[in-house]
Amino acid sequence: MVKRTVAYSPFKAALRAVRLSPSPPPVAPPPPEPEFRQLFADVVPLAVEPRVQHPSPRPSPHPRQCPVHSPIPASHAEMAHAFDYFDAETVPPHFLRTGIQHQVLRQLRAGHWPVVAEIDLHGASRHQAEERLLTFLFLAQQRGQAVRVIHGLGMGSAVGAPVLKPLVRQWLSRHPEVLAFCEDAGGGAVLVLLRRRRQTD
């Protein structure tokens, strides 16, 4: 009888040596997490040290005094002594530029030159009034020589004295195109005579 020889197979030998391990037991689910209140149920709050409660300052029964007029800027050096003009004695009732005959004032009061323009500076601050006045004089000079500038008497001024009245007259006396001015409307305005505009302007 002939015996059959089976060839050796290392692969099959390795399979025989492998032993299947049993399946691992199922993993139990984790327990539910406790609620926030349960975690800190035994926590005792710390004692709070007493604090001094400072009362809030009460507002003053007196209203705060705000400046009625803003200070004069440094660029207006010529107005550094503006407070001197609040004295009624320093307010010039009229002005006549050097070299102009005195009869010009009489003619101006008598209406020799018709008033071609008028500006009312009531309610303007000193800086607003100065800017408006300069613009007005420039534009009015193109229409004629005589204009009326209303500055008011200053009786209702918060400082108790005229403000625009002396300032306007001071500005006019220093304006190179103003030849003369005189009071009008009981002192609440001035009639201003401007230099005749040159044709080349």
N, C-alpha and C. Protein backbone atom coordinates (compact mmCIF):
# COMPACT_ATOMS: atom_id res chain seq x y z
N MET A 1 0.86 -1.18 0.00
CA MET A 1 0.00 0.00 0.00
C MET A 1 0.89 1.22 0.00
N VAL A 2 0.54 2.18 -0.83
CA VAL A 2 1.39 3.39 -0.98
C VAL A 2 0.84 4.49 -0.08
N LYS A 3 1.70 5.08 0.72
CA LYS A 3 1.31 6.18 1.59
C LYS A 3 1.55 7.53 0.86
N ARG A 4 0.54 8.40 0.98
CA ARG A 4 0.66 9.72 0.34
C ARG A 4 1.29 10.71 1.33
N THR A 5 2.26 11.35 0.81
CA THR A 5 2.99 12.34 1.65
C THR A 5 2.36 13.72 1.48
N VAL A 6 1.96 14.31 2.57
CA VAL A 6 1.35 15.68 2.55
C VAL A 6 2.44 16.69 2.78
N ALA A 7 2.50 17.61 1.89
CA ALA A 7 3.52 18.70 2.01
C ALA A 7 3.23 19.58 3.23
N TYR A 8 4.28 19.95 3.85
CA TYR A 8 4.16 20.81 5.06
C TYR A 8 3.86 22.24 4.63
N SER A 9 2.88 22.82 5.27
CA SER A 9 2.50 24.21 4.95
C SER A 9 2.64 25.06 6.20
N PRO A 10 3.58 25.97 6.21
CA PRO A 10 3.74 26.83 7.41
C PRO A 10 2.52 27.69 7.69
N PHE A 11 1.77 28.04 6.65
CA PHE A 11 0.60 28.89 6.84
C PHE A 11 -0.47 28.16 7.63
N LYS A 12 -0.67 26.88 7.24
CA LYS A 12 -1.65 26.10 7.96
C LYS A 12 -1.20 25.82 9.39
N ALA A 13 0.09 25.66 9.58
CA ALA A 13 0.60 25.43 10.94
C ALA A 13 0.37 26.66 11.80
N ALA A 14 0.50 27.86 11.20
CA ALA A 14 0.28 29.10 11.96
C ALA A 14 -1.19 29.24 12.32
N LEU A 15 -2.07 28.77 11.43
CA LEU A 15 -3.50 28.87 11.73
C LEU A 15 -3.87 27.96 12.88
N ARG A 16 -3.23 26.78 12.92
CA ARG A 16 -3.54 25.87 14.03
C ARG A 16 -3.08 26.43 15.37
N ALA A 17 -1.99 27.24 15.34
CA ALA A 17 -1.45 27.76 16.59
C ALA A 17 -2.26 28.93 17.13
N VAL A 18 -3.05 29.51 16.22
CA VAL A 18 -3.83 30.68 16.64
C VAL A 18 -5.05 30.20 17.40
N ARG A 19 -5.25 30.73 18.52
CA ARG A 19 -6.41 30.43 19.33
C ARG A 19 -7.28 31.69 19.43
N LEU A 20 -8.48 31.51 19.07
CA LEU A 20 -9.39 32.66 19.11
C LEU A 20 -9.71 33.01 20.56
N SER A 21 -9.45 34.29 20.87
CA SER A 21 -9.75 34.76 22.24
C SER A 21 -11.24 35.00 22.36
N PRO A 22 -11.81 34.77 23.49
CA PRO A 22 -13.25 35.01 23.66
C PRO A 22 -13.61 36.48 23.50
N SER A 23 -14.79 36.74 23.09
CA SER A 23 -15.25 38.12 22.90
C SER A 23 -15.24 38.85 24.23
N PRO A 24 -14.76 40.13 24.25
CA PRO A 24 -14.75 40.90 25.51
C PRO A 24 -16.17 41.18 25.98
N PRO A 25 -16.35 41.24 27.27
CA PRO A 25 -17.70 41.54 27.78
C PRO A 25 -18.12 42.96 27.40
N PRO A 26 -19.37 43.21 27.24
CA PRO A 26 -19.82 44.58 26.88
C PRO A 26 -19.50 45.57 27.99
N VAL A 27 -19.12 46.80 27.54
CA VAL A 27 -18.75 47.87 28.49
C VAL A 27 -20.02 48.55 28.97
N ALA A 28 -20.12 48.69 30.26
CA ALA A 28 -21.30 49.34 30.84
C ALA A 28 -21.24 50.84 30.58
N PRO A 29 -22.36 51.48 30.30
CA PRO A 29 -22.34 52.95 30.08
C PRO A 29 -21.97 53.67 31.35
N PRO A 30 -21.29 54.84 31.23
CA PRO A 30 -20.88 55.61 32.43
C PRO A 30 -22.11 56.14 33.15
N PRO A 31 -21.96 56.30 34.44
CA PRO A 31 -23.10 56.85 35.21
C PRO A 31 -23.36 58.29 34.81
N PRO A 32 -24.56 58.72 34.89
CA PRO A 32 -24.86 60.12 34.53
C PRO A 32 -24.17 61.10 35.46
N GLU A 33 -23.77 62.25 34.88
CA GLU A 33 -23.08 63.27 35.68
C GLU A 33 -24.08 63.97 36.60
N PRO A 34 -23.65 64.28 37.80
CA PRO A 34 -24.57 64.96 38.73
C PRO A 34 -24.84 66.38 38.25
N GLU A 35 -25.95 66.95 38.68
CA GLU A 35 -26.28 68.31 38.32
C GLU A 35 -25.38 69.30 39.06
N PHE A 36 -25.39 70.53 38.56
CA PHE A 36 -24.51 71.56 39.13
C PHE A 36 -24.86 71.83 40.60
N ARG A 37 -26.14 71.86 40.91
CA ARG A 37 -26.54 72.14 42.28
C ARG A 37 -26.11 71.03 43.23
N GLN A 38 -26.13 69.78 42.72
CA GLN A 38 -25.71 68.67 43.57
C GLN A 38 -24.21 68.73 43.86
N LEU A 39 -23.43 69.16 42.87
CA LEU A 39 -21.98 69.22 43.08
C LEU A 39 -21.61 70.23 44.16
N PHE A 40 -22.35 71.37 44.22
CA PHE A 40 -21.99 72.44 45.15
C PHE A 40 -23.03 72.56 46.26
N ALA A 41 -23.71 71.45 46.54
CA ALA A 41 -24.72 71.51 47.59
C ALA A 41 -24.11 71.73 48.96
N ASP A 42 -22.87 71.23 49.19
CA ASP A 42 -22.25 71.36 50.50
C ASP A 42 -21.31 72.55 50.60
N VAL A 43 -21.33 73.42 49.61
CA VAL A 43 -20.45 74.59 49.64
C VAL A 43 -21.09 75.68 50.48
N VAL A 44 -20.31 76.22 51.40
CA VAL A 44 -20.78 77.30 52.28
C VAL A 44 -20.17 78.60 51.80
N PRO A 45 -20.95 79.63 51.48
CA PRO A 45 -20.38 80.91 51.02
C PRO A 45 -19.55 81.57 52.10
N LEU A 46 -18.52 82.30 51.66
CA LEU A 46 -17.66 83.01 52.59
C LEU A 46 -18.38 84.22 53.16
N ALA A 47 -18.01 84.53 54.36
CA ALA A 47 -18.60 85.71 55.00
C ALA A 47 -18.07 86.97 54.32
N VAL A 48 -18.96 87.87 53.96
CA VAL A 48 -18.58 89.12 53.29
C VAL A 48 -18.26 90.17 54.34
N GLU A 49 -17.08 90.78 54.20
CA GLU A 49 -16.69 91.82 55.13
C GLU A 49 -17.57 93.05 54.94
N PRO A 50 -17.93 93.69 56.01
CA PRO A 50 -18.77 94.90 55.86
C PRO A 50 -18.02 96.00 55.11
N ARG A 51 -18.70 96.67 54.18
CA ARG A 51 -18.12 97.75 53.40
C ARG A 51 -18.81 99.07 53.73
N VAL A 52 -18.01 100.10 53.66
CA VAL A 52 -18.54 101.43 53.95
C VAL A 52 -19.21 101.96 52.69
N GLN A 53 -20.46 102.29 52.80
CA GLN A 53 -21.20 102.85 51.68
C GLN A 53 -21.14 104.37 51.76
N HIS A 54 -20.38 104.94 50.81
CA HIS A 54 -20.26 106.39 50.77
C HIS A 54 -21.47 106.98 50.06
N PRO A 55 -22.14 107.92 50.66
CA PRO A 55 -23.31 108.50 49.99
C PRO A 55 -22.88 109.31 48.76
N SER A 56 -23.71 109.28 47.75
CA SER A 56 -23.43 110.05 46.53
C SER A 56 -23.56 111.54 46.83
N PRO A 57 -22.64 112.35 46.28
CA PRO A 57 -22.74 113.80 46.55
C PRO A 57 -24.01 114.38 45.95
N ARG A 58 -24.67 115.18 46.71
CA ARG A 58 -25.89 115.82 46.23
C ARG A 58 -25.55 117.02 45.36
N PRO A 59 -26.31 117.24 44.31
CA PRO A 59 -26.02 118.40 43.46
C PRO A 59 -26.24 119.70 44.20
N SER A 60 -25.47 120.69 43.80
CA SER A 60 -25.58 121.99 44.44
C SER A 60 -26.91 122.64 44.08
N PRO A 61 -27.55 123.28 45.04
CA PRO A 61 -28.82 123.95 44.70
C PRO A 61 -28.64 125.18 43.83
N HIS A 62 -27.40 125.65 43.72
CA HIS A 62 -27.13 126.84 42.91
C HIS A 62 -26.72 126.42 41.51
N PRO A 63 -27.26 127.03 40.48
CA PRO A 63 -26.89 126.65 39.10
C PRO A 63 -25.45 127.01 38.81
N ARG A 64 -24.84 126.20 37.96
CA ARG A 64 -23.45 126.45 37.58
C ARG A 64 -23.38 127.68 36.69
N GLN A 65 -22.46 128.54 37.01
CA GLN A 65 -22.29 129.77 36.25
C GLN A 65 -21.40 129.50 35.04
N CYS A 66 -21.99 129.61 33.86
CA CYS A 66 -21.24 129.42 32.61
C CYS A 66 -20.91 130.78 32.03
N PRO A 67 -19.75 130.90 31.41
CA PRO A 67 -19.41 132.19 30.80
C PRO A 67 -20.36 132.53 29.67
N VAL A 68 -20.84 133.75 29.67
CA VAL A 68 -21.78 134.18 28.64
C VAL A 68 -21.07 134.33 27.31
N HIS A 69 -19.85 134.80 27.33
CA HIS A 69 -19.10 135.02 26.11
C HIS A 69 -17.79 134.24 26.18
N SER A 70 -17.43 133.65 25.11
CA SER A 70 -16.18 132.90 25.06
C SER A 70 -15.00 133.87 25.13
N PRO A 71 -13.85 133.41 25.64
CA PRO A 71 -12.71 134.31 25.77
C PRO A 71 -12.20 134.76 24.41
N ILE A 72 -11.55 135.89 24.43
CA ILE A 72 -11.01 136.45 23.19
C ILE A 72 -9.79 135.65 22.77
N PRO A 73 -9.72 135.16 21.54
CA PRO A 73 -8.55 134.40 21.11
C PRO A 73 -7.31 135.27 21.05
N ALA A 74 -6.17 134.61 21.11
CA ALA A 74 -4.91 135.33 21.11
C ALA A 74 -4.68 136.08 19.81
N SER A 75 -5.30 135.59 18.70
CA SER A 75 -5.10 136.25 17.42
C SER A 75 -5.68 137.64 17.39
N HIS A 76 -6.65 137.92 18.28
CA HIS A 76 -7.25 139.24 18.35
C HIS A 76 -6.55 140.05 19.44
N ALA A 77 -5.29 140.31 19.22
CA ALA A 77 -4.53 141.02 20.24
C ALA A 77 -5.04 142.43 20.44
N GLU A 78 -5.64 143.00 19.41
CA GLU A 78 -6.11 144.38 19.55
C GLU A 78 -7.31 144.48 20.47
N MET A 79 -7.95 143.31 20.79
CA MET A 79 -9.11 143.33 21.67
C MET A 79 -8.76 142.90 23.09
N ALA A 80 -7.48 142.95 23.44
CA ALA A 80 -7.05 142.46 24.75
C ALA A 80 -7.65 143.28 25.88
N HIS A 81 -7.97 144.56 25.61
CA HIS A 81 -8.52 145.42 26.65
C HIS A 81 -9.99 145.70 26.39
N ALA A 82 -10.68 144.70 25.89
CA ALA A 82 -12.09 144.91 25.53
C ALA A 82 -12.93 145.26 26.75
N PHE A 83 -12.56 144.79 27.92
CA PHE A 83 -13.36 145.07 29.09
C PHE A 83 -13.35 146.56 29.45
N ASP A 84 -12.34 147.29 29.01
CA ASP A 84 -12.33 148.72 29.25
C ASP A 84 -13.45 149.42 28.50
N TYR A 85 -13.91 148.80 27.40
CA TYR A 85 -14.92 149.44 26.58
C TYR A 85 -16.31 149.31 27.19
N PHE A 86 -16.46 148.52 28.25
CA PHE A 86 -17.77 148.37 28.86
C PHE A 86 -18.18 149.63 29.61
N ASP A 87 -17.25 150.48 29.93
CA ASP A 87 -17.57 151.74 30.57
C ASP A 87 -18.24 152.64 29.55
N ALA A 88 -19.40 153.18 29.92
CA ALA A 88 -20.15 154.00 28.97
C ALA A 88 -19.35 155.22 28.51
N GLU A 89 -18.44 155.70 29.37
CA GLU A 89 -17.68 156.88 29.00
C GLU A 89 -16.66 156.60 27.91
N THR A 90 -16.29 155.32 27.72
CA THR A 90 -15.29 154.99 26.71
C THR A 90 -15.92 154.63 25.37
N VAL A 91 -17.26 154.59 25.29
CA VAL A 91 -17.92 154.26 24.03
C VAL A 91 -17.99 155.53 23.19
N PRO A 92 -17.28 155.59 22.07
CA PRO A 92 -17.29 156.82 21.27
C PRO A 92 -18.63 157.01 20.57
N PRO A 93 -19.26 158.19 20.69
CA PRO A 93 -20.53 158.42 20.00
C PRO A 93 -20.36 158.61 18.50
N HIS A 94 -19.16 158.96 18.09
CA HIS A 94 -18.90 159.13 16.67
C HIS A 94 -17.41 158.92 16.41
N PHE A 95 -17.08 158.83 15.14
CA PHE A 95 -15.70 158.61 14.74
C PHE A 95 -15.45 159.33 13.42
N LEU A 96 -14.28 159.92 13.32
CA LEU A 96 -13.88 160.61 12.09
C LEU A 96 -12.41 160.31 11.85
N ARG A 97 -12.13 159.69 10.72
CA ARG A 97 -10.75 159.32 10.43
C ARG A 97 -9.91 160.56 10.18
N THR A 98 -8.66 160.46 10.54
CA THR A 98 -7.74 161.58 10.37
C THR A 98 -7.69 162.00 8.90
N GLY A 99 -7.82 163.32 8.69
CA GLY A 99 -7.79 163.86 7.34
C GLY A 99 -9.16 164.11 6.74
N ILE A 100 -10.23 163.61 7.40
CA ILE A 100 -11.60 163.80 6.92
C ILE A 100 -12.17 165.06 7.59
N GLN A 101 -12.82 165.88 6.82
CA GLN A 101 -13.38 167.14 7.34
C GLN A 101 -14.55 166.86 8.29
N HIS A 102 -14.70 167.75 9.27
CA HIS A 102 -15.75 167.58 10.28
C HIS A 102 -17.15 167.69 9.69
N GLN A 103 -17.29 168.40 8.60
CA GLN A 103 -18.61 168.53 8.00
C GLN A 103 -19.14 167.18 7.48
N VAL A 104 -18.25 166.21 7.30
CA VAL A 104 -18.68 164.89 6.85
C VAL A 104 -19.64 164.28 7.87
N LEU A 105 -19.38 164.47 9.17
CA LEU A 105 -20.27 163.93 10.19
C LEU A 105 -21.65 164.58 10.11
N ARG A 106 -21.69 165.89 9.90
CA ARG A 106 -22.98 166.57 9.77
C ARG A 106 -23.74 166.06 8.54
N GLN A 107 -23.03 165.87 7.45
CA GLN A 107 -23.67 165.35 6.25
C GLN A 107 -24.16 163.92 6.44
N LEU A 108 -23.38 163.14 7.18
CA LEU A 108 -23.78 161.75 7.42
C LEU A 108 -25.05 161.71 8.27
N ARG A 109 -25.14 162.55 9.31
CA ARG A 109 -26.33 162.59 10.14
C ARG A 109 -27.54 163.09 9.35
N ALA A 110 -27.30 164.01 8.43
CA ALA A 110 -28.40 164.61 7.67
C ALA A 110 -28.87 163.71 6.53
N GLY A 111 -28.22 162.58 6.30
CA GLY A 111 -28.63 161.68 5.24
C GLY A 111 -28.13 162.07 3.87
N HIS A 112 -26.99 162.76 3.83
CA HIS A 112 -26.43 163.16 2.54
C HIS A 112 -26.13 161.95 1.66
N TRP A 113 -25.71 160.86 2.28
CA TRP A 113 -25.46 159.61 1.56
C TRP A 113 -26.60 158.63 1.88
N PRO A 114 -27.29 158.13 0.91
CA PRO A 114 -28.38 157.19 1.19
C PRO A 114 -27.82 155.88 1.76
N VAL A 115 -28.56 155.31 2.71
CA VAL A 115 -28.17 154.04 3.32
C VAL A 115 -28.48 152.93 2.33
N VAL A 116 -27.44 152.19 1.93
CA VAL A 116 -27.61 151.16 0.92
C VAL A 116 -27.74 149.77 1.51
N ALA A 117 -27.40 149.61 2.78
CA ALA A 117 -27.48 148.28 3.41
C ALA A 117 -27.56 148.46 4.91
N GLU A 118 -28.07 147.43 5.56
CA GLU A 118 -28.24 147.45 7.02
C GLU A 118 -28.03 146.05 7.57
N ILE A 119 -27.43 145.97 8.76
CA ILE A 119 -27.21 144.68 9.42
C ILE A 119 -27.59 144.81 10.88
N ASP A 120 -28.24 143.77 11.40
CA ASP A 120 -28.66 143.72 12.80
C ASP A 120 -27.85 142.62 13.50
N LEU A 121 -27.07 143.00 14.47
CA LEU A 121 -26.18 142.06 15.18
C LEU A 121 -26.77 141.59 16.50
N HIS A 122 -28.04 141.82 16.74
CA HIS A 122 -28.66 141.35 17.99
C HIS A 122 -28.55 139.83 18.10
N GLY A 123 -28.21 139.35 19.29
CA GLY A 123 -28.16 137.92 19.55
C GLY A 123 -26.89 137.23 19.11
N ALA A 124 -25.96 137.93 18.50
CA ALA A 124 -24.70 137.32 18.06
C ALA A 124 -23.65 137.44 19.15
N SER A 125 -22.80 136.45 19.23
CA SER A 125 -21.66 136.53 20.14
C SER A 125 -20.65 137.51 19.57
N ARG A 126 -19.65 137.84 20.36
CA ARG A 126 -18.69 138.84 19.89
C ARG A 126 -17.93 138.36 18.66
N HIS A 127 -17.61 137.05 18.60
CA HIS A 127 -16.88 136.55 17.45
C HIS A 127 -17.79 136.44 16.23
N GLN A 128 -19.03 136.02 16.43
CA GLN A 128 -19.99 135.98 15.33
C GLN A 128 -20.26 137.38 14.80
N ALA A 129 -20.42 138.33 15.72
CA ALA A 129 -20.69 139.71 15.30
C ALA A 129 -19.54 140.28 14.50
N GLU A 130 -18.30 140.01 14.92
CA GLU A 130 -17.15 140.54 14.19
C GLU A 130 -17.07 139.95 12.79
N GLU A 131 -17.29 138.65 12.68
CA GLU A 131 -17.22 138.01 11.36
C GLU A 131 -18.33 138.52 10.45
N ARG A 132 -19.53 138.64 10.98
CA ARG A 132 -20.64 139.13 10.17
C ARG A 132 -20.42 140.58 9.75
N LEU A 133 -19.89 141.37 10.66
CA LEU A 133 -19.66 142.78 10.35
C LEU A 133 -18.63 142.95 9.24
N LEU A 134 -17.54 142.21 9.31
CA LEU A 134 -16.50 142.32 8.29
C LEU A 134 -17.05 141.89 6.92
N THR A 135 -17.80 140.81 6.90
CA THR A 135 -18.39 140.36 5.63
C THR A 135 -19.39 141.38 5.10
N PHE A 136 -20.20 141.93 6.00
CA PHE A 136 -21.20 142.92 5.60
C PHE A 136 -20.53 144.15 4.99
N LEU A 137 -19.50 144.66 5.63
CA LEU A 137 -18.83 145.86 5.11
C LEU A 137 -18.23 145.61 3.73
N PHE A 138 -17.67 144.43 3.54
CA PHE A 138 -17.06 144.12 2.23
C PHE A 138 -18.12 144.09 1.14
N LEU A 139 -19.26 143.46 1.42
CA LEU A 139 -20.30 143.35 0.40
C LEU A 139 -21.03 144.67 0.20
N ALA A 140 -21.27 145.40 1.29
CA ALA A 140 -22.01 146.65 1.19
C ALA A 140 -21.22 147.72 0.45
N GLN A 141 -19.91 147.66 0.53
CA GLN A 141 -19.09 148.66 -0.15
C GLN A 141 -19.26 148.59 -1.67
N GLN A 142 -19.69 147.46 -2.16
CA GLN A 142 -19.92 147.33 -3.60
C GLN A 142 -21.20 148.03 -4.04
N ARG A 143 -22.06 148.40 -3.08
CA ARG A 143 -23.36 149.00 -3.41
C ARG A 143 -23.38 150.50 -3.13
N GLY A 144 -22.55 150.97 -2.22
CA GLY A 144 -22.55 152.38 -1.89
C GLY A 144 -21.63 152.66 -0.72
N GLN A 145 -21.81 153.86 -0.13
CA GLN A 145 -20.89 154.29 0.92
C GLN A 145 -21.51 154.27 2.31
N ALA A 146 -22.81 154.54 2.43
CA ALA A 146 -23.43 154.66 3.75
C ALA A 146 -24.18 153.38 4.11
N VAL A 147 -23.94 152.87 5.31
CA VAL A 147 -24.62 151.67 5.80
C VAL A 147 -25.02 151.91 7.25
N ARG A 148 -25.95 151.08 7.73
CA ARG A 148 -26.40 151.16 9.12
C ARG A 148 -26.07 149.84 9.81
N VAL A 149 -25.43 149.95 10.97
CA VAL A 149 -25.08 148.78 11.78
C VAL A 149 -25.83 148.89 13.10
N ILE A 150 -26.71 147.92 13.36
CA ILE A 150 -27.51 147.90 14.58
C ILE A 150 -26.84 146.96 15.59
N HIS A 151 -26.43 147.52 16.70
CA HIS A 151 -25.79 146.71 17.75
C HIS A 151 -26.61 146.65 19.03
N GLY A 152 -27.63 147.49 19.15
CA GLY A 152 -28.46 147.50 20.34
C GLY A 152 -27.86 148.35 21.44
N LEU A 153 -28.69 148.61 22.44
CA LEU A 153 -28.24 149.40 23.58
C LEU A 153 -27.54 148.57 24.64
N GLY A 154 -27.75 147.26 24.60
CA GLY A 154 -27.11 146.39 25.59
C GLY A 154 -27.77 146.43 26.95
N MET A 155 -29.03 146.86 27.03
CA MET A 155 -29.70 146.94 28.33
C MET A 155 -30.00 145.55 28.88
N GLY A 156 -30.19 144.56 28.01
CA GLY A 156 -30.49 143.21 28.48
C GLY A 156 -29.28 142.31 28.56
N SER A 157 -28.08 142.87 28.56
CA SER A 157 -26.87 142.05 28.60
C SER A 157 -26.76 141.34 29.93
N ALA A 158 -26.25 140.09 29.88
CA ALA A 158 -26.11 139.30 31.09
C ALA A 158 -25.03 139.84 32.01
N VAL A 159 -24.08 140.60 31.47
CA VAL A 159 -23.00 141.15 32.30
C VAL A 159 -23.39 142.49 32.89
N GLY A 160 -24.58 142.99 32.59
CA GLY A 160 -25.04 144.24 33.17
C GLY A 160 -24.52 145.47 32.49
N ALA A 161 -23.87 145.31 31.33
CA ALA A 161 -23.31 146.46 30.61
C ALA A 161 -23.30 146.12 29.13
N PRO A 162 -23.30 147.13 28.27
CA PRO A 162 -23.27 146.84 26.82
C PRO A 162 -22.02 146.07 26.44
N VAL A 163 -22.18 145.12 25.53
CA VAL A 163 -21.05 144.32 25.05
C VAL A 163 -20.79 144.62 23.58
N LEU A 164 -21.80 144.41 22.74
CA LEU A 164 -21.60 144.63 21.31
C LEU A 164 -21.44 146.10 20.97
N LYS A 165 -22.12 146.95 21.69
CA LYS A 165 -22.06 148.38 21.37
C LYS A 165 -20.64 148.92 21.36
N PRO A 166 -19.86 148.75 22.42
CA PRO A 166 -18.48 149.25 22.37
C PRO A 166 -17.59 148.48 21.42
N LEU A 167 -17.82 147.16 21.31
CA LEU A 167 -16.96 146.37 20.44
C LEU A 167 -17.16 146.74 18.98
N VAL A 168 -18.43 146.87 18.57
CA VAL A 168 -18.71 147.21 17.17
C VAL A 168 -18.08 148.55 16.80
N ARG A 169 -18.18 149.52 17.67
CA ARG A 169 -17.61 150.84 17.38
C ARG A 169 -16.09 150.80 17.37
N GLN A 170 -15.53 149.95 18.21
CA GLN A 170 -14.07 149.81 18.18
C GLN A 170 -13.61 149.15 16.89
N TRP A 171 -14.33 148.11 16.45
CA TRP A 171 -13.98 147.45 15.19
C TRP A 171 -14.10 148.43 14.02
N LEU A 172 -15.17 149.22 14.02
CA LEU A 172 -15.37 150.15 12.92
C LEU A 172 -14.26 151.21 12.87
N SER A 173 -13.86 151.70 14.03
CA SER A 173 -12.82 152.72 14.05
C SER A 173 -11.48 152.20 13.58
N ARG A 174 -11.28 150.88 13.63
CA ARG A 174 -10.02 150.30 13.20
C ARG A 174 -10.10 149.70 11.80
N HIS A 175 -11.26 149.73 11.20
CA HIS A 175 -11.40 149.17 9.85
C HIS A 175 -10.85 150.16 8.84
N PRO A 176 -9.97 149.76 7.95
CA PRO A 176 -9.34 150.70 7.01
C PRO A 176 -10.30 151.32 6.02
N GLU A 177 -11.47 150.70 5.78
CA GLU A 177 -12.42 151.22 4.80
C GLU A 177 -13.48 152.12 5.44
N VAL A 178 -13.44 152.30 6.74
CA VAL A 178 -14.42 153.15 7.43
C VAL A 178 -13.84 154.55 7.57
N LEU A 179 -14.57 155.53 7.02
CA LEU A 179 -14.14 156.93 7.10
C LEU A 179 -14.73 157.64 8.31
N ALA A 180 -15.97 157.30 8.65
CA ALA A 180 -16.63 157.96 9.77
C ALA A 180 -17.85 157.15 10.17
N PHE A 181 -18.31 157.40 11.41
CA PHE A 181 -19.61 156.88 11.83
C PHE A 181 -20.16 157.79 12.91
N CYS A 182 -21.48 157.76 13.04
CA CYS A 182 -22.17 158.55 14.05
C CYS A 182 -23.35 157.75 14.57
N GLU A 183 -23.84 158.13 15.76
CA GLU A 183 -24.93 157.39 16.38
C GLU A 183 -26.23 157.58 15.61
N ASP A 184 -27.07 156.54 15.70
CA ASP A 184 -28.36 156.56 15.04
C ASP A 184 -29.33 155.74 15.89
N ALA A 185 -30.61 155.99 15.73
CA ALA A 185 -31.67 155.23 16.43
C ALA A 185 -31.49 155.29 17.94
N GLY A 186 -31.21 156.50 18.46
CA GLY A 186 -31.11 156.66 19.90
C GLY A 186 -29.91 156.01 20.52
N GLY A 187 -28.89 155.74 19.78
CA GLY A 187 -27.68 155.12 20.32
C GLY A 187 -27.62 153.63 20.14
N GLY A 188 -28.66 152.99 19.60
CA GLY A 188 -28.64 151.55 19.39
C GLY A 188 -28.09 151.13 18.05
N ALA A 189 -27.63 152.09 17.25
CA ALA A 189 -27.07 151.80 15.94
C ALA A 189 -26.13 152.92 15.55
N VAL A 190 -25.40 152.72 14.50
CA VAL A 190 -24.49 153.73 13.96
C VAL A 190 -24.65 153.79 12.45
N LEU A 191 -24.54 154.99 11.93
CA LEU A 191 -24.45 155.18 10.49
C LEU A 191 -22.98 155.22 10.13
N VAL A 192 -22.59 154.44 9.15
CA VAL A 192 -21.18 154.26 8.81
C VAL A 192 -20.97 154.75 7.39
N LEU A 193 -19.93 155.55 7.22
CA LEU A 193 -19.53 156.02 5.89
C LEU A 193 -18.29 155.26 5.47
N LEU A 194 -18.40 154.54 4.36
CA LEU A 194 -17.29 153.73 3.86
C LEU A 194 -16.53 154.49 2.79
N ARG A 195 -15.31 154.09 2.62
CA ARG A 195 -14.50 154.65 1.55
C ARG A 195 -15.11 154.25 0.21
N ARG A 196 -15.09 155.17 -0.73
CA ARG A 196 -15.65 154.87 -2.04
C ARG A 196 -14.83 153.77 -2.68
N ARG A 197 -15.53 152.77 -3.19
CA ARG A 197 -14.86 151.61 -3.78
C ARG A 197 -14.22 152.00 -5.10
N ARG A 198 -12.97 151.61 -5.23
CA ARG A 198 -12.24 151.92 -6.46
C ARG A 198 -12.72 151.03 -7.59
N GLN A 199 -12.69 151.55 -8.79
CA GLN A 199 -13.18 150.80 -9.93
C GLN A 199 -12.34 149.56 -10.21
N THR A 200 -11.07 149.59 -9.78
CA THR A 200 -10.20 148.44 -10.06
C THR A 200 -10.42 147.31 -9.07
N ASP A 201 -11.19 147.53 -7.94
CA ASP A 201 -11.42 146.47 -6.94
C ASP A 201 -12.33 145.39 -7.51
